[in-house]
Structures are given as C-alpha cells and as structure tokens.
Amino acid sequence: CLLHPKIQVRNPGFTKKEYESVFKEFLGITHTIWLGNGIVGDDTHGHIDDLCRFVAADTVVTVIEDDPKDKNHAPLQDNLSRLQNAVLEDGSPLKILTLPMPKKLMFGGVQLPASYANFLILNKTVLVPTFNDEQDRNALNILAGCFPDRKVIGINAIDFIWGFGTLHCLSQQIPK
C-alpha cells in the first residue's frame, strides 16, 4: 500500500493502523507492506499497480529506475529497500524481482506514469503494456518467467498512458 500525504485528504486523520483495521475487517487482510512514493506522473499518488505487484504468494515484481538522475530513481530505490526489509504474513522473506522503467514519456509538458507493472493477469494470458521502448522486450521476458503457465503478450500502451493508466488501470477483475 501507499500512504502519500495527498491521498490522506481522502480520509482525513486516518492512520496506518486504522487503514490496516479496515483492510482486515472488509478484505480479510492481516498483513500490510507499506511503500513510499509512487512514480512521477501518477495523478492519484497511489497507483500501487504502477509500482509493485504480487506474481506468486511469496513473490513480487517491483519497478526500478537505473538512472540516478531520473526523478523516479530515489523513490523507487526507497520502495525496493522497504520490500527488501519486508516479510510475509508468516514471517518468511519476500522474494523480489525487478522490472525496468521505460524511458520518460511526456505529453503536454507532463511526465506520464508509464510502467510495465501495470500488466493485466487473465485466465491463460498476461497482457503487458509496452511503450515502443528498448526495455519492452526485457520486461516481457521477466514477466514471462513469472507466469510460465500463461502466454505473455505485449500491448502497445502509448495511447492509453495519456489517460494516466494502462491495462490494469483500465480493467476490473471478476473473481472466481
């Protein structure tokens, strides 16, 4: 979860403990891992699906930015550190895989929140946003390794990201 001061205005005065209590009561969640800031361009300041996703019960993929001059570098390194120090509900360590970030995409002078973590898991397929970027293939290969029983398909998401989200943001899952 993300708890950014700009999100907090939605629920004034709520503490982490109060959120965790609500998560437990309404969702059955008994353990929460808190991350720091989201990526540049995230208009909600809380799109966890642009940052970090569970790909197995004990494994997450999280985005990192290798360029130390990029505005996403420091916050994503902070999130990686938080994940490295996190444990699962049973106390066992969390397995972490990293996904690259695509090069910065701009529209009207605003950086867009392009991220490979905004993939959509379907019954037999995983749809992954791609951005005509040199990292597209790398991200697809990493995610293919996470989902060996599903076909991983890249979907050009350039036209979607102008709306500040891609495949996962555009969808609503129906649980079995």
Protein backbone atom coordinates (compact mmCIF):
# COMPACT_ATOMS: atom_id res chain seq x y z
CA CYS A 1 0.00 0.00 0.00
CA LEU A 2 0.96 3.62 -0.46
CA LEU A 3 0.15 6.28 2.09
CA HIS A 4 1.00 9.61 0.47
CA PRO A 5 0.01 12.91 2.13
CA LYS A 6 -2.02 13.82 -0.98
CA ILE A 7 -4.03 10.59 -0.66
CA GLN A 8 -4.62 11.22 3.00
CA VAL A 9 -7.00 14.09 2.17
CA ARG A 10 -9.48 11.44 1.01
CA ASN A 11 -9.68 10.09 4.56
CA PRO A 12 -8.58 12.89 6.89
CA GLY A 13 -6.99 11.74 10.11
CA PHE A 14 -6.76 8.04 9.19
CA THR A 15 -3.59 6.40 10.47
CA LYS A 16 -1.81 3.34 9.11
CA LYS A 17 -3.26 1.31 11.98
CA GLU A 18 -6.78 2.47 11.09
CA TYR A 19 -6.27 1.56 7.43
CA GLU A 20 -4.95 -1.85 8.46
CA SER A 21 -8.03 -2.36 10.64
CA VAL A 22 -10.33 -1.53 7.69
CA PHE A 23 -8.31 -3.84 5.41
CA LYS A 24 -8.73 -6.66 7.92
CA GLU A 25 -12.45 -6.09 8.53
CA PHE A 26 -13.55 -5.69 4.92
CA LEU A 27 -10.89 -7.56 2.93
CA GLY A 28 -9.56 -10.14 5.39
CA ILE A 29 -6.02 -8.72 5.05
CA THR A 30 -3.96 -9.35 8.16
CA HIS A 31 -0.55 -8.08 6.99
CA THR A 32 0.23 -4.90 5.05
CA ILE A 33 3.52 -3.86 3.44
CA TRP A 34 3.74 -0.07 3.20
CA LEU A 35 5.68 1.55 0.36
CA GLY A 36 6.70 5.18 -0.06
CA ASN A 37 6.02 7.38 -3.07
CA GLY A 38 4.64 6.43 -6.45
CA ILE A 39 6.14 7.18 -9.85
CA VAL A 40 6.28 10.63 -11.41
CA GLY A 41 3.06 11.41 -13.26
CA ASP A 42 0.82 9.30 -11.04
CA ASP A 43 -2.18 11.61 -10.80
CA THR A 44 -3.61 9.72 -7.81
CA HIS A 45 -0.32 9.46 -5.87
CA GLY A 46 -1.35 5.93 -5.03
CA HIS A 47 -1.29 3.62 -8.05
CA ILE A 48 0.32 0.60 -6.41
CA ASP A 49 -0.31 -1.26 -9.68
CA ASP A 50 2.28 1.01 -11.33
CA LEU A 51 4.90 0.09 -8.72
CA CYS A 52 4.68 -3.36 -7.28
CA ARG A 53 2.61 -6.48 -7.95
CA PHE A 54 2.40 -9.94 -6.45
CA VAL A 55 3.15 -12.59 -9.09
CA ALA A 56 3.06 -15.51 -6.62
CA ALA A 57 2.08 -15.90 -2.98
CA ASP A 58 5.67 -15.17 -1.91
CA THR A 59 6.96 -13.08 -4.84
CA VAL A 60 6.54 -9.52 -6.08
CA VAL A 61 7.82 -7.63 -9.09
CA THR A 62 8.67 -4.00 -8.47
CA VAL A 63 9.83 -1.29 -10.85
CA ILE A 64 13.24 0.33 -10.56
CA GLU A 65 14.88 3.21 -12.40
CA ASP A 66 18.59 2.71 -13.09
CA ASP A 67 19.36 6.33 -14.00
CA PRO A 68 20.28 8.13 -10.74
CA LYS A 69 19.44 11.48 -12.40
CA ASP A 70 15.85 10.42 -13.12
CA LYS A 71 13.22 11.71 -10.65
CA ASN A 72 11.93 8.14 -10.20
CA HIS A 73 15.29 6.72 -9.14
CA ALA A 74 15.32 7.68 -5.44
CA PRO A 75 11.67 6.89 -4.60
CA LEU A 76 11.85 3.54 -6.40
CA GLN A 77 15.07 2.66 -4.58
CA ASP A 78 13.32 3.55 -1.32
CA ASN A 79 10.43 1.23 -2.22
CA LEU A 80 12.88 -1.54 -3.13
CA SER A 81 14.57 -1.13 0.24
CA ARG A 82 11.22 -1.30 2.03
CA LEU A 83 10.40 -4.52 0.17
CA GLN A 84 13.81 -5.99 0.98
CA ASN A 85 13.10 -5.37 4.67
CA ALA A 86 9.52 -6.67 4.50
CA VAL A 87 8.35 -10.14 5.44
CA LEU A 88 5.31 -12.15 4.53
CA GLU A 89 2.48 -12.76 6.95
CA ASP A 90 4.17 -15.95 8.21
CA GLY A 91 7.46 -14.11 8.79
CA SER A 92 9.24 -15.59 5.79
CA PRO A 93 11.17 -13.29 3.45
CA LEU A 94 9.53 -11.74 0.43
CA LYS A 95 11.01 -12.74 -2.94
CA ILE A 96 11.57 -9.68 -5.13
CA LEU A 97 12.09 -9.41 -8.88
CA THR A 98 12.72 -6.05 -10.53
CA LEU A 99 11.22 -4.61 -13.68
CA PRO A 100 12.88 -1.77 -15.59
CA MET A 101 11.17 1.53 -16.23
CA PRO A 102 10.66 2.65 -19.83
CA LYS A 103 12.21 5.93 -20.91
CA LYS A 104 10.36 9.04 -19.82
CA LEU A 105 7.16 9.71 -21.82
CA MET A 106 5.86 13.27 -21.94
CA PHE A 107 2.54 14.73 -23.07
CA GLY A 108 1.81 18.46 -22.95
CA GLY A 109 4.85 19.02 -20.73
CA VAL A 110 3.67 16.42 -18.19
CA GLN A 111 5.53 13.19 -17.48
CA LEU A 112 3.22 10.20 -17.92
CA PRO A 113 3.25 7.27 -15.45
CA ALA A 114 4.42 4.62 -17.92
CA SER A 115 5.17 1.35 -16.11
CA TYR A 116 5.44 -2.30 -17.06
CA ALA A 117 3.96 -3.19 -13.65
CA ASN A 118 0.51 -2.20 -14.92
CA PHE A 119 0.07 -5.62 -16.53
CA LEU A 120 -3.25 -7.47 -16.54
CA ILE A 121 -3.46 -11.13 -15.50
CA LEU A 122 -6.15 -13.09 -17.33
CA ASN A 123 -7.06 -16.79 -17.18
CA LYS A 124 -4.47 -18.00 -19.70
CA THR A 125 -2.73 -14.77 -20.62
CA VAL A 126 -0.87 -11.82 -19.15
CA LEU A 127 -1.20 -8.57 -21.08
CA VAL A 128 1.77 -6.25 -20.56
CA PRO A 129 1.83 -2.57 -21.52
CA THR A 130 4.65 -1.71 -23.92
CA PHE A 131 5.87 1.73 -24.93
CA ASN A 132 7.99 1.35 -28.11
CA ASP A 133 10.95 1.31 -25.73
CA GLU A 134 14.21 -0.62 -25.67
CA GLN A 135 13.15 -2.11 -22.30
CA ASP A 136 9.90 -3.60 -23.66
CA ARG A 137 11.46 -6.97 -24.51
CA ASN A 138 13.31 -7.17 -21.17
CA ALA A 139 10.10 -6.52 -19.23
CA LEU A 140 8.18 -9.10 -21.28
CA ASN A 141 10.88 -11.71 -20.63
CA ILE A 142 10.91 -11.05 -16.88
CA LEU A 143 7.13 -11.36 -16.68
CA ALA A 144 7.12 -14.48 -18.89
CA GLY A 145 9.39 -16.07 -16.27
CA CYS A 146 6.85 -15.17 -13.58
CA PHE A 147 3.93 -16.72 -15.45
CA PRO A 148 5.18 -19.91 -17.16
CA ASP A 149 1.62 -21.28 -17.47
CA ARG A 150 0.30 -18.17 -19.25
CA LYS A 151 1.04 -16.55 -22.58
CA VAL A 152 2.62 -13.12 -22.03
CA ILE A 153 1.57 -10.61 -24.70
CA GLY A 154 2.82 -7.05 -25.11
CA ILE A 155 0.16 -4.45 -25.87
CA ASN A 156 1.24 -1.06 -27.19
CA ALA A 157 0.00 1.28 -24.47
CA ILE A 158 1.18 4.63 -25.82
CA ASP A 159 -2.39 5.78 -26.49
CA PHE A 160 -3.61 4.52 -23.09
CA ILE A 161 -0.94 6.18 -20.96
CA TRP A 162 -2.16 9.64 -21.99
CA GLY A 163 -5.06 8.87 -19.64
CA PHE A 164 -2.53 8.25 -16.80
CA GLY A 165 -3.00 4.47 -16.67
CA THR A 166 -2.75 1.40 -18.86
CA LEU A 167 -4.05 -2.16 -18.89
CA HIS A 168 -4.57 -2.90 -15.19
CA CYS A 169 -6.00 0.58 -14.59
CA LEU A 170 -8.48 0.10 -17.43
CA SER A 171 -9.81 -3.21 -16.14
CA GLN A 172 -11.87 -4.70 -13.36
CA GLN A 173 -11.29 -8.31 -12.44
CA ILE A 174 -14.15 -10.68 -11.72
CA PRO A 175 -13.12 -13.20 -9.05
CA LYS A 176 -13.99 -16.86 -9.48
